[in-house]
Amino acid sequence: MTPAFPPPSHGGPRTGLPRVCHARLVAVLALCCVALSACGPELQGSPKPPKAFGPVQSSWFGCPPLQGVYAWPPVDASGVHGNRPSNRRWEQGGLPFYVNGPEMQIWVQQAGGETTLRTRTINRARNIRSSLTRRWSLVTYGGAQTRCTSGMLDVVPQDIPEGKDAGDTGVLQGFRLALLKDGALAVGTRTVSTGNKGSYFSWGGQSYGTYDAPDVETWSWSKLTRTAPGDREPSIVDAYVPGATAP
């Protein structure tokens, strides 16, 4: 019997995808690439202390104890754009402790799963009197706010709503504390920008089509010298003399 439909010929040339389908396939692949690029944050700086700081102490279980008294300003500091001058103040909220003077005591205590950071001003001028040399500013982080990552203590990033308008990107700030083998403390500041947008195509200052861009995670580091074990309150450092007229 003769088949109703002749079998397809295998010897003739094969036709490719239509141009429209090919263009659609390219567009889909491009979208997949954009989606994959948004899976992880874009890093600026390193989540580990700079090698110039020296090696980090390790511990069999959890993080090494960080308790101690440390000196401000940093003996070494670095950021995304290179080393940071030691006499340059950090922006408000840029560190886990309040910096209000060129020279300070930083006292770290750990007990009952909590980490407490205290700061106090040092005054070396005989004719300047300040109550900040005797009063501590402090902040305490509980176990729910911290975690141990590769032997370093992380303070979970918190939302920073100040100055944020509707539609703006979000900003999260966190910190990382690492005890170095020479006894110094490495303080890493972590800022995460969320809700970023990118455009598929830009021309003449105009953007066409937007997509969710990766978060941007920025790291800066400071190395603080250890001056005391921190098992007791450090002595006040104040050179003020009543009636003095010169430093």
Protein backbone atom coordinates (compact mmCIF):
# COMPACT_ATOMS: atom_id res chain seq x y z
CA MET A 1 0.00 0.00 0.00
CA THR A 2 1.08 3.54 -0.67
CA PRO A 3 1.41 5.58 2.52
CA ALA A 4 -0.91 8.53 2.86
CA PHE A 5 2.05 10.85 3.55
CA PRO A 6 5.48 10.33 2.09
CA PRO A 7 8.29 9.88 4.62
CA PRO A 8 10.45 12.93 5.19
CA SER A 9 13.57 13.20 3.12
CA HIS A 10 16.87 12.97 5.03
CA GLY A 11 19.06 14.11 2.24
CA GLY A 12 17.84 17.68 1.82
CA PRO A 13 19.31 20.75 3.58
CA ARG A 14 18.11 21.49 7.12
CA THR A 15 16.66 24.86 7.88
CA GLY A 16 17.81 26.78 11.03
CA LEU A 17 15.72 28.67 13.54
CA PRO A 18 13.89 31.68 12.16
CA ARG A 19 15.63 34.97 12.86
CA VAL A 20 12.86 36.08 15.24
CA CYS A 21 13.27 32.94 17.33
CA HIS A 22 17.04 33.38 17.33
CA ALA A 23 16.70 36.95 18.62
CA ARG A 24 14.33 35.81 21.32
CA LEU A 25 16.77 33.10 22.40
CA VAL A 26 19.57 35.67 22.69
CA ALA A 27 17.34 37.91 24.80
CA VAL A 28 16.41 35.03 27.11
CA LEU A 29 20.07 34.12 27.55
CA ALA A 30 20.89 37.73 28.36
CA LEU A 31 18.16 37.82 30.99
CA CYS A 32 19.51 34.61 32.51
CA CYS A 33 22.97 36.14 32.75
CA VAL A 34 21.56 39.20 34.51
CA ALA A 35 19.63 36.99 36.93
CA LEU A 36 22.70 34.93 37.73
CA SER A 37 24.80 38.05 38.30
CA ALA A 38 22.31 39.22 40.93
CA CYS A 39 22.62 36.05 43.02
CA GLY A 40 25.48 37.32 45.20
CA PRO A 41 26.62 40.71 46.45
CA GLU A 42 29.26 42.72 44.64
CA LEU A 43 32.25 43.01 46.97
CA GLN A 44 34.23 46.21 47.42
CA GLY A 45 37.14 45.58 49.73
CA SER A 46 37.78 42.29 51.53
CA PRO A 47 35.73 40.57 54.28
CA LYS A 48 39.07 39.48 55.79
CA PRO A 49 41.62 41.73 57.51
CA PRO A 50 44.44 42.93 55.24
CA LYS A 51 47.51 40.68 55.20
CA ALA A 52 49.57 43.64 56.41
CA PHE A 53 47.72 43.42 59.76
CA GLY A 54 49.19 39.97 60.42
CA PRO A 55 47.54 36.54 60.88
CA VAL A 56 44.25 36.05 62.69
CA GLN A 57 44.10 33.89 65.82
CA SER A 58 42.15 30.67 65.54
CA SER A 59 40.19 28.62 68.05
CA TRP A 60 39.06 25.01 68.22
CA PHE A 61 35.53 26.07 69.10
CA GLY A 62 33.90 29.37 68.15
CA CYS A 63 35.80 32.62 68.24
CA PRO A 64 38.83 33.47 70.41
CA PRO A 65 37.98 35.73 73.38
CA LEU A 66 38.20 39.39 72.36
CA GLN A 67 38.23 40.91 75.85
CA GLY A 68 40.87 43.58 76.27
CA VAL A 69 41.66 47.30 76.27
CA TYR A 70 42.64 48.73 72.90
CA ALA A 71 44.02 52.09 71.78
CA TRP A 72 42.45 54.55 69.36
CA PRO A 73 43.45 55.83 66.78
CA PRO A 74 44.30 52.74 64.73
CA VAL A 75 47.93 51.84 64.14
CA ASP A 76 46.89 50.78 60.65
CA ALA A 77 43.73 51.29 58.63
CA SER A 78 42.62 50.49 55.11
CA GLY A 79 39.56 50.80 52.95
CA VAL A 80 38.37 50.34 49.40
CA HIS A 81 40.57 53.17 48.20
CA GLY A 82 43.76 52.21 50.03
CA ASN A 83 45.19 53.04 53.45
CA ARG A 84 43.27 55.42 55.66
CA PRO A 85 45.07 58.20 57.59
CA SER A 86 45.10 57.43 61.32
CA ASN A 87 44.10 61.01 62.19
CA ARG A 88 40.96 60.93 60.03
CA ARG A 89 37.79 60.42 62.03
CA TRP A 90 35.31 57.74 61.06
CA GLU A 91 31.83 58.85 60.11
CA GLN A 92 29.13 58.59 62.77
CA GLY A 93 27.79 55.03 62.72
CA GLY A 94 30.77 53.80 60.75
CA LEU A 95 32.15 51.83 63.71
CA PRO A 96 30.56 49.69 66.44
CA PHE A 97 31.70 52.25 69.04
CA TYR A 98 31.48 56.00 69.36
CA VAL A 99 34.60 57.94 68.33
CA ASN A 100 34.60 61.48 69.71
CA GLY A 101 38.28 62.38 70.03
CA PRO A 102 41.72 61.90 68.51
CA GLU A 103 42.79 59.53 71.30
CA MET A 104 40.58 57.10 73.19
CA GLN A 105 40.42 53.94 75.28
CA ILE A 106 38.36 51.07 73.86
CA TRP A 107 37.36 48.39 76.37
CA VAL A 108 35.90 45.12 75.07
CA GLN A 109 34.17 42.77 77.52
CA GLN A 110 32.48 39.42 76.90
CA ALA A 111 30.24 37.62 79.38
CA GLY A 112 27.12 35.47 79.22
CA GLY A 113 27.07 35.45 75.42
CA GLU A 114 27.12 39.27 75.24
CA THR A 115 29.83 41.51 73.81
CA THR A 116 30.11 45.03 75.26
CA LEU A 117 32.21 47.79 73.69
CA ARG A 118 33.06 50.85 75.82
CA THR A 119 34.91 53.99 74.75
CA ARG A 120 36.39 56.85 76.77
CA THR A 121 38.41 59.94 75.84
CA ILE A 122 42.09 60.37 76.70
CA ASN A 123 43.23 63.91 77.58
CA ARG A 124 46.93 64.76 77.62
CA ALA A 125 46.54 68.55 77.92
CA ARG A 126 47.09 70.12 81.36
CA ASN A 127 44.77 73.08 80.72
CA ILE A 128 41.78 71.20 79.23
CA ARG A 129 39.12 69.69 81.43
CA SER A 130 36.63 67.20 80.01
CA SER A 131 34.11 64.91 81.68
CA LEU A 132 34.50 62.51 78.74
CA THR A 133 37.72 61.20 80.29
CA ARG A 134 35.68 59.66 83.13
CA ARG A 135 32.44 58.60 81.47
CA TRP A 136 32.11 55.55 79.22
CA SER A 137 29.92 55.36 76.14
CA LEU A 138 28.92 51.78 75.52
CA VAL A 139 27.01 49.43 73.25
CA THR A 140 26.12 45.80 74.00
CA TYR A 141 25.36 43.07 71.47
CA GLY A 142 23.48 39.94 72.53
CA GLY A 143 23.86 36.43 71.17
CA ALA A 144 21.04 36.95 68.65
CA GLN A 145 22.97 39.88 67.12
CA THR A 146 26.31 38.12 66.75
CA ARG A 147 27.72 35.02 65.12
CA CYS A 148 31.15 33.46 64.65
CA THR A 149 32.45 33.33 61.08
CA SER A 150 35.85 31.76 60.38
CA GLY A 151 37.07 32.66 63.86
CA MET A 152 35.82 36.27 63.62
CA LEU A 153 32.89 37.76 65.52
CA ASP A 154 30.21 39.19 63.24
CA VAL A 155 27.62 41.74 64.34
CA VAL A 156 24.60 41.09 62.13
CA PRO A 157 23.97 44.02 59.74
CA GLN A 158 21.21 46.36 60.90
CA ASP A 159 18.99 48.63 58.81
CA ILE A 160 20.01 52.31 58.72
CA PRO A 161 16.76 54.24 58.05
CA GLU A 162 18.12 57.76 58.67
CA GLY A 163 18.01 59.96 55.57
CA LYS A 164 16.26 57.32 53.52
CA ASP A 165 13.43 58.47 51.23
CA ALA A 166 10.74 56.34 49.62
CA GLY A 167 12.18 54.52 46.62
CA ASP A 168 15.81 54.90 47.76
CA THR A 169 18.13 51.96 48.11
CA GLY A 170 18.45 50.45 51.56
CA VAL A 171 21.59 50.49 53.67
CA LEU A 172 22.63 47.84 56.20
CA GLN A 173 25.61 48.23 58.51
CA GLY A 174 27.43 45.53 60.43
CA PHE A 175 30.85 44.89 61.94
CA ARG A 176 33.44 42.17 62.23
CA LEU A 177 35.94 41.81 65.07
CA ALA A 178 39.01 39.62 64.65
CA LEU A 179 41.71 38.95 67.24
CA LEU A 180 45.16 38.95 65.65
CA LYS A 181 48.05 36.74 66.74
CA ASP A 182 50.02 39.76 67.98
CA GLY A 183 47.13 40.58 70.38
CA ALA A 184 45.79 43.50 68.34
CA LEU A 185 42.13 43.82 67.35
CA ALA A 186 41.07 44.09 63.71
CA VAL A 187 37.76 45.95 63.30
CA GLY A 188 36.02 45.53 59.97
CA THR A 189 33.08 47.76 59.01
CA ARG A 190 30.57 46.26 56.59
CA THR A 191 28.07 48.35 54.65
CA VAL A 192 25.53 46.63 52.39
CA SER A 193 23.58 48.65 49.81
CA THR A 194 20.36 46.85 48.81
CA GLY A 195 17.58 47.50 46.33
CA ASN A 196 19.96 48.59 43.56
CA LYS A 197 18.72 48.81 39.97
CA GLY A 198 20.48 48.37 36.64
CA SER A 199 19.41 49.09 33.06
CA TYR A 200 19.48 46.76 30.07
CA PHE A 201 20.46 49.51 27.68
CA SER A 202 21.65 53.11 28.00
CA TRP A 203 22.04 55.67 25.25
CA GLY A 204 22.43 59.44 25.33
CA GLY A 205 21.92 59.60 29.07
CA GLN A 206 18.69 57.60 28.88
CA SER A 207 18.20 54.13 30.37
CA TYR A 208 15.81 51.61 28.93
CA GLY A 209 14.46 48.75 30.99
CA THR A 210 15.56 48.06 34.58
CA TYR A 211 16.39 44.94 36.54
CA ASP A 212 17.33 44.14 40.13
CA ALA A 213 21.09 44.64 40.39
CA PRO A 214 23.28 42.83 42.96
CA ASP A 215 23.71 44.20 46.46
CA VAL A 216 26.97 46.08 47.01
CA GLU A 217 28.96 45.04 50.09
CA THR A 218 31.76 47.43 51.14
CA TRP A 219 34.47 46.62 53.72
CA SER A 220 36.97 48.84 55.59
CA TRP A 221 39.41 47.72 58.29
CA SER A 222 41.24 49.20 61.30
CA LYS A 223 43.93 47.62 63.49
CA LEU A 224 43.87 48.61 67.16
CA THR A 225 46.80 47.99 69.53
CA ARG A 226 46.05 46.04 72.73
CA THR A 227 47.14 47.90 75.88
CA ALA A 228 45.67 45.79 78.73
CA PRO A 229 43.94 42.40 79.26
CA GLY A 230 40.58 44.01 80.03
CA ASP A 231 39.79 41.96 83.15
CA ARG A 232 39.38 45.23 85.09
CA GLU A 233 38.48 48.81 84.28
CA PRO A 234 41.50 50.67 82.88
CA SER A 235 42.85 53.72 84.66
CA ILE A 236 41.77 57.20 83.61
CA VAL A 237 44.25 59.01 81.36
CA ASP A 238 43.79 62.74 82.07
CA ALA A 239 46.61 65.27 82.42
CA TYR A 240 44.34 68.14 83.52
CA VAL A 241 45.69 70.21 86.42
CA PRO A 242 43.34 72.72 88.09
CA GLY A 243 44.52 76.25 87.39
CA ALA A 244 46.91 75.25 84.62
CA THR A 245 47.24 77.82 81.82
CA ALA A 246 49.41 75.89 79.35
CA PRO A 247 49.51 72.28 78.08
